Amino acid sequence: MKHTSKFLVASLVALSGSTALATTAAQAETISFILCGDQIFPSQERAIADWEEANPDYPVDVQLVGWAQCQDRATQLAIAGDPVGLAYVGSRTVKQYALNDLIVEIPMTEEEQASYHNYVPETVTFEGTQWGVPVAFSTKALYWNKDLYEEAGLDPDTPPKTWEEKIAFAKQITENTDAAGYGVVAKTMDNTMHQFLHWVYSNNGQVIDADGNIVLNSPENLEALTALRDIVPYGEEGPTAYEQNEVRAIWLDGGVAMIEAMASAGNLAEEAGMNWGVAPLPQGPSAEGPGTLLITDSLVVFKGTGYEDKAIEFAKFLTQPEYQWPYEQENGLTPLRPSEEVEQFVSENPEWAPLIDGIEHGGPEPLFTDYIGLQNVMIEMVQSVVTGQAEPEAALEQAAAELEQYK
């Protein structure tokens, strides 16, 4: 799943208390909708057409904005007092939007919450209510190159189930082939934090608990960061130079045997003619079952348009299963909801099962008041351990202390 650009933290802090947040009371007839990307997908076109037929007084004006500018554009308009009705954002930002009084609550009924996979509603929940409608969902699985496994003397059809096996397999591959065993993601990018959170959630860890306590420096997370350190010698050289898509490119080129990635990795491997496999993320010693980071993007409704209720109604309309499932198929996304159609799809496409198996014991992106602050602390922690500048326990303690200012 693609993600929008950095949130305008400084702007929000500077303007959150100013007259720039003044709202308009006038009723608007057109629902303005900032959508990230360069196209409207067929499922979205159908949903919008059906909405406008049923709601002729509330047509939808879709404003396509490139991924790099999309979220910033919605934020700038809201801060300037000229908000759009609806926007596509990374769910990790909803807490900050809410605290700056830029968006409205979008409470879910118990039935609505129960319709989603585990923890999906939690990705948009702050102070007991929901602040967005999930629209895109990403999970990760382990992908491996079967030919490199065989070359290293490993069974090409038997992936690692535990961290101990993953490290041992990576070592054997590194020592017996010209490839690295495992793709380490440690560049100064948001997905460095995301990749570390896969280790956290495949070992029953957390960053912040339900009561708002920082628990990054837990025994489970110490096991996670230590395991990451231990696999670095069997990764690609200079991992701080690579983000996840760059590591995936090395994997596709045969330079790395194992990566952790979303469904698109399998599609690309097929196109490249790779002999590949996919399995749930290997589990840590404290795991209760396969886990993964659960990332969502969401639709948020901004304050000040005068048609907030209709924008909420449209957001829920756009993401109902009739349109959402086709949209997920068009984009290669993990399904937000379980259904008979999803079960049938997985039975016909078993490579999708590992991406769904990790949901039960997975966890959402941590919601902080300053997401960029969280992200930077986590990246610096990972990089300090990956480069050998800090030991895992000391790095966790320092990062946990720094996170207190951003929760």
Protein backbone atom coordinates (compact mmCIF):
# COMPACT_ATOMS: atom_id res chain seq x y z
CA MET A 1 0.00 0.00 0.00
CA LYS A 2 1.31 3.41 -0.91
CA HIS A 3 1.55 6.04 1.78
CA THR A 4 1.23 9.76 1.75
CA SER A 5 3.97 12.21 2.60
CA LYS A 6 5.04 13.64 5.97
CA PHE A 7 2.42 15.24 8.15
CA LEU A 8 2.81 18.98 8.67
CA VAL A 9 3.57 18.84 12.36
CA ALA A 10 5.08 22.31 12.62
CA SER A 11 2.17 23.89 10.77
CA LEU A 12 -0.37 22.17 12.96
CA VAL A 13 1.34 23.29 16.15
CA ALA A 14 1.68 26.84 14.92
CA LEU A 15 -1.85 27.22 13.63
CA SER A 16 -3.96 24.90 15.77
CA GLY A 17 -4.98 27.73 18.05
CA SER A 18 -5.28 30.47 15.46
CA THR A 19 -8.14 31.98 13.55
CA ALA A 20 -7.01 29.95 10.54
CA LEU A 21 -9.08 27.11 11.96
CA ALA A 22 -12.30 29.06 11.69
CA THR A 23 -15.03 27.00 10.05
CA THR A 24 -17.73 27.95 7.61
CA ALA A 25 -21.33 27.31 8.40
CA ALA A 26 -22.62 27.47 4.86
CA GLN A 27 -24.21 24.40 3.38
CA ALA A 28 -22.23 23.05 0.42
CA GLU A 29 -23.89 21.03 -2.32
CA THR A 30 -20.76 19.34 -3.66
CA ILE A 31 -18.68 16.93 -1.55
CA SER A 32 -15.04 17.72 -2.28
CA PHE A 33 -12.86 14.60 -2.06
CA ILE A 34 -9.06 14.52 -2.16
CA LEU A 35 -8.01 11.12 -3.48
CA CYS A 36 -4.38 10.07 -3.63
CA GLY A 37 -2.92 8.86 -6.91
CA ASP A 38 -3.38 9.52 -10.59
CA GLN A 39 -6.57 7.61 -11.34
CA ILE A 40 -10.03 6.74 -10.11
CA PHE A 41 -10.44 2.97 -10.13
CA PRO A 42 -13.48 1.32 -11.77
CA SER A 43 -14.92 0.27 -8.40
CA GLN A 44 -14.70 3.87 -7.18
CA GLU A 45 -16.26 5.23 -10.35
CA ARG A 46 -19.17 2.83 -9.92
CA ALA A 47 -19.60 3.75 -6.25
CA ILE A 48 -19.57 7.48 -6.99
CA ALA A 49 -22.08 7.06 -9.81
CA ASP A 50 -24.39 5.04 -7.56
CA TRP A 51 -24.02 7.60 -4.76
CA GLU A 52 -24.85 10.52 -7.04
CA GLU A 53 -27.88 8.73 -8.43
CA ALA A 54 -29.18 8.19 -4.89
CA ASN A 55 -28.03 11.63 -3.65
CA PRO A 56 -28.42 14.08 -6.54
CA ASP A 57 -28.07 17.10 -4.22
CA TYR A 58 -24.63 15.92 -3.10
CA PRO A 59 -22.43 15.24 -6.14
CA VAL A 60 -18.80 14.32 -5.54
CA ASP A 61 -15.89 16.42 -6.80
CA VAL A 62 -12.83 14.14 -6.86
CA GLN A 63 -9.50 15.94 -6.73
CA LEU A 64 -6.66 13.59 -7.68
CA VAL A 65 -3.42 14.54 -5.94
CA GLY A 66 -0.12 12.69 -6.28
CA TRP A 67 0.92 10.41 -3.43
CA ALA A 68 3.81 12.64 -2.38
CA GLN A 69 1.59 15.71 -1.93
CA CYS A 70 -1.82 14.22 -1.16
CA GLN A 71 -1.96 14.32 2.62
CA ASP A 72 -0.10 17.61 2.88
CA ARG A 73 -2.62 19.21 0.51
CA ALA A 74 -5.59 18.14 2.64
CA THR A 75 -3.82 19.34 5.78
CA GLN A 76 -2.92 22.73 4.35
CA LEU A 77 -6.49 23.41 3.25
CA ALA A 78 -7.86 22.45 6.65
CA ILE A 79 -5.38 24.67 8.50
CA ALA A 80 -6.20 27.57 6.16
CA GLY A 81 -9.90 27.28 7.01
CA ASP A 82 -10.88 26.00 3.55
CA PRO A 83 -11.20 22.24 4.20
CA VAL A 84 -12.20 19.61 1.73
CA GLY A 85 -15.10 17.42 2.76
CA LEU A 86 -13.24 14.14 2.63
CA ALA A 87 -9.64 13.03 2.17
CA TYR A 88 -7.59 9.86 1.90
CA VAL A 89 -4.91 9.80 4.63
CA GLY A 90 -2.64 7.40 6.46
CA SER A 91 -4.54 6.22 9.55
CA ARG A 92 -1.50 6.91 11.70
CA THR A 93 -2.33 10.63 11.47
CA VAL A 94 -5.92 10.54 12.78
CA LYS A 95 -4.94 11.16 16.41
CA GLN A 96 -3.04 14.30 15.47
CA TYR A 97 -5.85 15.55 13.25
CA ALA A 98 -8.34 14.91 16.06
CA LEU A 99 -6.28 16.68 18.71
CA ASN A 100 -5.99 19.70 16.44
CA ASP A 101 -9.78 19.71 15.97
CA LEU A 102 -9.52 19.37 12.20
CA ILE A 103 -11.70 16.29 11.68
CA VAL A 104 -14.98 14.95 13.01
CA GLU A 105 -15.65 11.69 14.78
CA ILE A 106 -16.96 8.80 12.67
CA PRO A 107 -18.24 6.37 15.31
CA MET A 108 -18.79 2.75 14.28
CA THR A 109 -21.61 0.61 15.55
CA GLU A 110 -20.74 -2.73 17.12
CA GLU A 111 -21.99 -4.37 13.94
CA GLU A 112 -19.73 -2.19 11.78
CA GLN A 113 -16.70 -2.92 13.95
CA ALA A 114 -17.42 -6.65 13.94
CA SER A 115 -17.55 -6.68 10.14
CA TYR A 116 -13.80 -5.94 9.89
CA HIS A 117 -10.83 -8.20 10.48
CA ASN A 118 -9.31 -8.07 13.97
CA TYR A 119 -7.79 -4.73 14.98
CA VAL A 120 -8.75 -2.86 11.81
CA PRO A 121 -11.06 -0.48 13.73
CA GLU A 122 -8.23 0.09 16.24
CA THR A 123 -6.12 1.67 13.49
CA VAL A 124 -8.51 4.66 13.51
CA THR A 125 -9.59 4.61 17.18
CA PHE A 126 -8.58 7.32 19.64
CA GLU A 127 -10.17 8.03 23.03
CA GLY A 128 -12.71 5.29 22.50
CA THR A 129 -14.15 6.45 19.20
CA GLN A 130 -13.27 6.21 15.55
CA TRP A 131 -11.98 9.12 13.50
CA GLY A 132 -11.82 7.61 10.02
CA VAL A 133 -13.23 4.93 7.76
CA PRO A 134 -10.59 2.35 6.76
CA VAL A 135 -10.21 2.18 3.00
CA ALA A 136 -6.98 0.25 2.36
CA PHE A 137 -5.28 -2.51 4.36
CA SER A 138 -1.76 -3.90 4.22
CA THR A 139 -0.23 -6.92 5.90
CA LYS A 140 3.11 -8.61 5.32
CA ALA A 141 4.38 -12.15 4.84
CA LEU A 142 7.74 -13.84 4.32
CA TYR A 143 8.77 -14.28 0.67
CA TRP A 144 11.72 -16.45 -0.28
CA ASN A 145 13.70 -17.48 -3.34
CA LYS A 146 13.43 -21.27 -3.61
CA ASP A 147 16.40 -21.58 -5.96
CA LEU A 148 18.69 -19.85 -3.45
CA TYR A 149 17.37 -22.14 -0.71
CA GLU A 150 18.22 -25.17 -2.80
CA GLU A 151 21.64 -23.79 -3.72
CA ALA A 152 22.38 -23.30 -0.02
CA GLY A 153 21.35 -26.86 0.82
CA LEU A 154 17.98 -25.94 2.34
CA ASP A 155 14.63 -27.53 1.52
CA PRO A 156 13.14 -25.05 -0.97
CA ASP A 157 9.61 -25.85 0.22
CA THR A 158 10.26 -25.41 3.94
CA PRO A 159 10.40 -21.77 5.09
CA PRO A 160 11.48 -20.80 8.62
CA LYS A 161 8.72 -20.82 11.22
CA THR A 162 10.71 -19.15 14.02
CA TRP A 163 13.23 -16.35 14.33
CA GLU A 164 15.87 -18.86 15.31
CA GLU A 165 15.29 -20.74 12.05
CA LYS A 166 15.17 -17.51 10.04
CA ILE A 167 18.57 -16.42 11.34
CA ALA A 168 20.02 -19.91 10.81
CA PHE A 169 18.66 -20.09 7.25
CA ALA A 170 19.99 -16.62 6.47
CA LYS A 171 23.42 -17.62 7.75
CA GLN A 172 23.46 -20.82 5.66
CA ILE A 173 22.42 -18.95 2.53
CA THR A 174 25.01 -16.20 3.05
CA GLU A 175 27.80 -18.71 3.59
CA ASN A 176 26.89 -21.01 0.69
CA THR A 177 25.72 -18.70 -2.09
CA ASP A 178 26.61 -15.32 -3.56
CA ALA A 179 23.40 -13.85 -2.14
CA ALA A 180 22.55 -12.35 1.24
CA GLY A 181 20.23 -14.42 3.37
CA TYR A 182 17.79 -11.73 4.49
CA GLY A 183 16.82 -8.22 3.41
CA VAL A 184 17.39 -5.74 6.26
CA VAL A 185 15.44 -2.46 5.96
CA ALA A 186 17.15 0.41 7.80
CA LYS A 187 17.09 3.52 5.62
CA THR A 188 15.80 6.83 7.00
CA MET A 189 12.26 6.12 5.77
CA ASP A 190 8.97 5.37 7.52
CA ASN A 191 9.05 1.73 6.41
CA THR A 192 12.14 1.13 8.56
CA MET A 193 9.84 1.56 11.54
CA HIS A 194 7.17 -0.55 9.85
CA GLN A 195 9.59 -3.38 9.22
CA PHE A 196 10.72 -3.37 12.85
CA LEU A 197 7.09 -3.46 13.96
CA HIS A 198 6.75 -6.80 12.13
CA TRP A 199 9.31 -8.16 14.57
CA VAL A 200 7.37 -6.58 17.45
CA TYR A 201 4.01 -8.01 16.41
CA SER A 202 5.39 -11.44 15.62
CA ASN A 203 6.55 -11.63 19.24
CA ASN A 204 3.47 -10.37 21.12
CA GLY A 205 5.01 -6.93 21.67
CA GLN A 206 3.60 -3.38 21.72
CA VAL A 207 4.91 0.18 21.54
CA ILE A 208 2.15 1.91 23.53
CA ASP A 209 -0.56 0.09 25.48
CA ALA A 210 -4.29 0.74 25.69
CA ASP A 211 -3.79 3.05 28.69
CA GLY A 212 -1.26 5.21 26.85
CA ASN A 213 1.82 3.81 28.58
CA ILE A 214 5.03 3.50 26.55
CA VAL A 215 5.99 -0.18 26.62
CA LEU A 216 8.62 -0.18 23.88
CA ASN A 217 11.30 -1.31 26.36
CA SER A 218 9.54 -4.61 27.10
CA PRO A 219 11.16 -8.07 27.22
CA GLU A 220 9.28 -8.99 24.02
CA ASN A 221 10.71 -6.01 22.16
CA LEU A 222 14.19 -6.64 23.51
CA GLU A 223 13.95 -10.11 21.98
CA ALA A 224 12.81 -8.49 18.72
CA LEU A 225 15.59 -5.90 18.47
CA THR A 226 18.20 -8.47 19.49
CA ALA A 227 17.02 -10.85 16.76
CA LEU A 228 17.20 -8.04 14.20
CA ARG A 229 20.77 -7.30 15.31
CA ASP A 230 21.68 -10.98 15.05
CA ILE A 231 20.46 -11.31 11.46
CA VAL A 232 22.28 -8.18 10.19
CA PRO A 233 25.53 -10.08 9.34
CA TYR A 234 23.49 -12.16 6.91
CA GLY A 235 21.76 -9.24 5.23
CA GLU A 236 22.74 -7.06 2.30
CA GLU A 237 25.76 -4.82 2.78
CA GLY A 238 25.02 -1.35 4.15
CA PRO A 239 21.35 -1.82 5.15
CA THR A 240 20.92 1.83 6.19
CA ALA A 241 21.02 2.66 2.46
CA TYR A 242 17.91 0.61 1.66
CA GLU A 243 14.18 1.05 2.19
CA GLN A 244 11.73 -1.81 1.69
CA ASN A 245 11.09 -1.37 -2.05
CA GLU A 246 14.84 -1.18 -2.71
CA VAL A 247 15.36 -4.38 -0.70
CA ARG A 248 12.56 -5.98 -2.70
CA ALA A 249 14.36 -5.00 -5.92
CA ILE A 250 17.50 -6.76 -4.68
CA TRP A 251 15.39 -9.83 -3.90
CA LEU A 252 13.86 -9.80 -7.37
CA ASP A 253 17.36 -9.62 -8.83
CA GLY A 254 18.49 -12.66 -6.85
CA GLY A 255 20.72 -10.78 -4.43
CA VAL A 256 18.71 -11.59 -1.29
CA ALA A 257 16.95 -14.83 -0.40
CA MET A 258 14.26 -13.69 2.09
CA ILE A 259 12.23 -10.51 2.51
CA GLU A 260 9.09 -9.47 4.35
CA ALA A 261 6.66 -7.77 2.00
CA MET A 262 3.05 -7.28 0.94
CA ALA A 263 1.21 -9.18 -1.78
CA SER A 264 2.70 -7.22 -4.66
CA ALA A 265 6.03 -9.00 -4.07
CA GLY A 266 4.50 -12.23 -5.30
CA ASN A 267 3.12 -10.57 -8.42
CA LEU A 268 6.50 -9.05 -9.21
CA ALA A 269 8.26 -12.37 -8.58
CA GLU A 270 5.93 -14.04 -11.07
CA GLU A 271 6.70 -11.38 -13.66
CA ALA A 272 10.43 -11.86 -13.03
CA GLY A 273 10.16 -15.64 -13.45
CA MET A 274 11.38 -16.35 -9.92
CA ASN A 275 10.83 -19.68 -8.21
CA TRP A 276 9.36 -18.25 -5.02
CA GLY A 277 7.34 -19.10 -1.95
CA VAL A 278 5.33 -17.22 0.67
CA ALA A 279 4.61 -18.02 4.31
CA PRO A 280 3.50 -16.28 7.52
CA LEU A 281 6.15 -14.17 9.24
CA PRO A 282 8.37 -16.35 11.45
CA GLN A 283 7.47 -16.11 15.13
CA GLY A 284 9.56 -14.94 18.05
CA PRO A 285 9.95 -16.85 21.31
CA SER A 286 7.12 -14.93 23.03
CA ALA A 287 4.65 -15.14 20.13
CA GLU A 288 1.15 -16.49 20.58
CA GLY A 289 0.74 -17.08 16.85
CA PRO A 290 1.68 -15.59 13.47
CA GLY A 291 1.59 -11.79 13.63
CA THR A 292 2.13 -8.78 11.41
CA LEU A 293 1.82 -5.01 11.43
CA LEU A 294 -1.67 -3.98 10.37
CA ILE A 295 -1.48 -0.76 8.35
CA THR A 296 -4.56 1.02 7.07
CA ASP A 297 -5.24 4.14 5.11
CA SER A 298 -8.53 5.85 5.87
CA LEU A 299 -11.05 8.41 4.74
CA VAL A 300 -11.36 11.32 7.18
CA VAL A 301 -14.04 14.01 7.24
CA PHE A 302 -12.84 17.53 7.87
CA LYS A 303 -14.65 20.11 9.98
CA GLY A 304 -16.05 23.30 8.55
CA THR A 305 -17.77 22.34 5.31
CA GLY A 306 -21.33 22.36 6.60
CA TYR A 307 -21.98 18.91 5.10
CA GLU A 308 -19.96 16.75 7.46
CA ASP A 309 -22.82 14.28 8.04
CA LYS A 310 -23.21 13.68 4.31
CA ALA A 311 -19.45 13.27 3.90
CA ILE A 312 -19.49 10.60 6.62
CA GLU A 313 -22.37 8.89 4.85
CA PHE A 314 -20.47 8.97 1.56
CA ALA A 315 -17.26 7.60 3.16
CA LYS A 316 -19.17 4.61 4.53
CA PHE A 317 -21.00 4.17 1.23
CA LEU A 318 -17.74 4.14 -0.75
CA THR A 319 -16.20 1.47 1.49
CA GLN A 320 -19.12 -0.92 1.81
CA PRO A 321 -18.28 -4.49 0.63
CA GLU A 322 -20.02 -4.09 -2.72
CA TYR A 323 -17.34 -1.57 -3.75
CA GLN A 324 -14.54 -2.23 -1.27
CA TRP A 325 -13.78 -5.83 -2.25
CA PRO A 326 -13.43 -5.00 -5.98
CA TYR A 327 -11.24 -2.03 -5.03
CA GLU A 328 -8.99 -4.31 -2.99
CA GLN A 329 -8.68 -6.72 -5.90
CA GLU A 330 -7.84 -3.87 -8.28
CA ASN A 331 -5.03 -2.76 -5.97
CA GLY A 332 -3.72 -6.06 -4.59
CA LEU A 333 -4.69 -5.10 -1.02
CA THR A 334 -5.36 -7.35 1.94
CA PRO A 335 -9.15 -7.56 2.46
CA LEU A 336 -10.46 -5.33 5.23
CA ARG A 337 -13.31 -7.71 5.98
CA PRO A 338 -13.76 -11.48 6.07
CA SER A 339 -16.45 -12.77 3.72
CA GLU A 340 -17.47 -15.75 1.64
CA GLU A 341 -16.00 -14.02 -1.41
CA VAL A 342 -12.67 -13.60 0.38
CA GLU A 343 -12.68 -17.25 1.51
CA GLN A 344 -13.35 -18.36 -2.05
CA PHE A 345 -10.61 -16.09 -3.38
CA VAL A 346 -8.05 -17.44 -0.90
CA SER A 347 -8.99 -21.03 -1.69
CA GLU A 348 -8.29 -20.30 -5.36
CA ASN A 349 -5.18 -18.20 -4.59
CA PRO A 350 -3.48 -19.90 -1.60
CA GLU A 351 -0.54 -17.49 -1.73
CA TRP A 352 -2.87 -15.00 -0.03
CA ALA A 353 -3.42 -17.15 3.07
CA PRO A 354 -0.17 -16.09 4.85
CA LEU A 355 -1.15 -12.44 4.46
CA ILE A 356 -4.40 -13.10 6.30
CA ASP A 357 -3.13 -15.64 8.84
CA GLY A 358 -1.07 -12.99 10.63
CA ILE A 359 -4.03 -10.71 11.32
CA GLU A 360 -5.30 -12.55 14.40
CA HIS A 361 -2.15 -11.83 16.40
CA GLY A 362 -1.12 -8.67 14.57
CA GLY A 363 -1.24 -5.09 15.79
CA PRO A 364 -2.03 -1.61 14.45
CA GLU A 365 0.30 1.28 13.80
CA PRO A 366 0.77 3.03 17.15
CA LEU A 367 -1.23 6.27 17.36
CA PHE A 368 0.83 9.18 18.68
CA THR A 369 0.19 12.92 18.82
CA ASP A 370 3.29 13.44 16.70
CA TYR A 371 3.67 10.61 14.25
CA ILE A 372 6.84 12.00 12.69
CA GLY A 373 8.41 12.20 16.15
CA LEU A 374 7.52 8.56 16.75
CA GLN A 375 8.85 7.56 13.36
CA ASN A 376 12.16 9.36 13.79
CA VAL A 377 12.79 7.86 17.23
CA MET A 378 12.10 4.36 15.96
CA ILE A 379 14.29 4.79 12.89
CA GLU A 380 17.19 6.12 14.95
CA MET A 381 16.82 3.20 17.37
CA VAL A 382 16.92 0.62 14.59
CA GLN A 383 19.83 2.28 12.82
CA SER A 384 21.87 2.53 16.00
CA VAL A 385 21.58 -1.22 16.55
CA VAL A 386 21.96 -2.25 12.92
CA THR A 387 25.20 -0.25 12.63
CA GLY A 388 26.55 -1.54 15.95
CA GLN A 389 26.55 1.89 17.61
CA ALA A 390 24.24 0.74 20.41
CA GLU A 391 23.23 -2.47 22.14
CA PRO A 392 19.54 -3.44 21.88
CA GLU A 393 18.67 -2.91 25.55
CA ALA A 394 20.24 0.54 25.73
CA ALA A 395 18.67 1.56 22.42
CA LEU A 396 15.21 0.48 23.59
CA GLU A 397 15.51 2.34 26.88
CA GLN A 398 16.59 5.54 25.18
CA ALA A 399 13.86 5.31 22.53
CA ALA A 400 11.18 4.57 25.14
CA ALA A 401 12.19 7.67 27.11
CA GLU A 402 12.15 9.86 23.99
CA LEU A 403 8.69 8.63 22.97
CA GLU A 404 7.11 10.04 26.12
CA GLN A 405 7.03 13.52 24.55
CA TYR A 406 5.12 12.33 21.51
CA LYS A 407 2.37 10.11 22.98
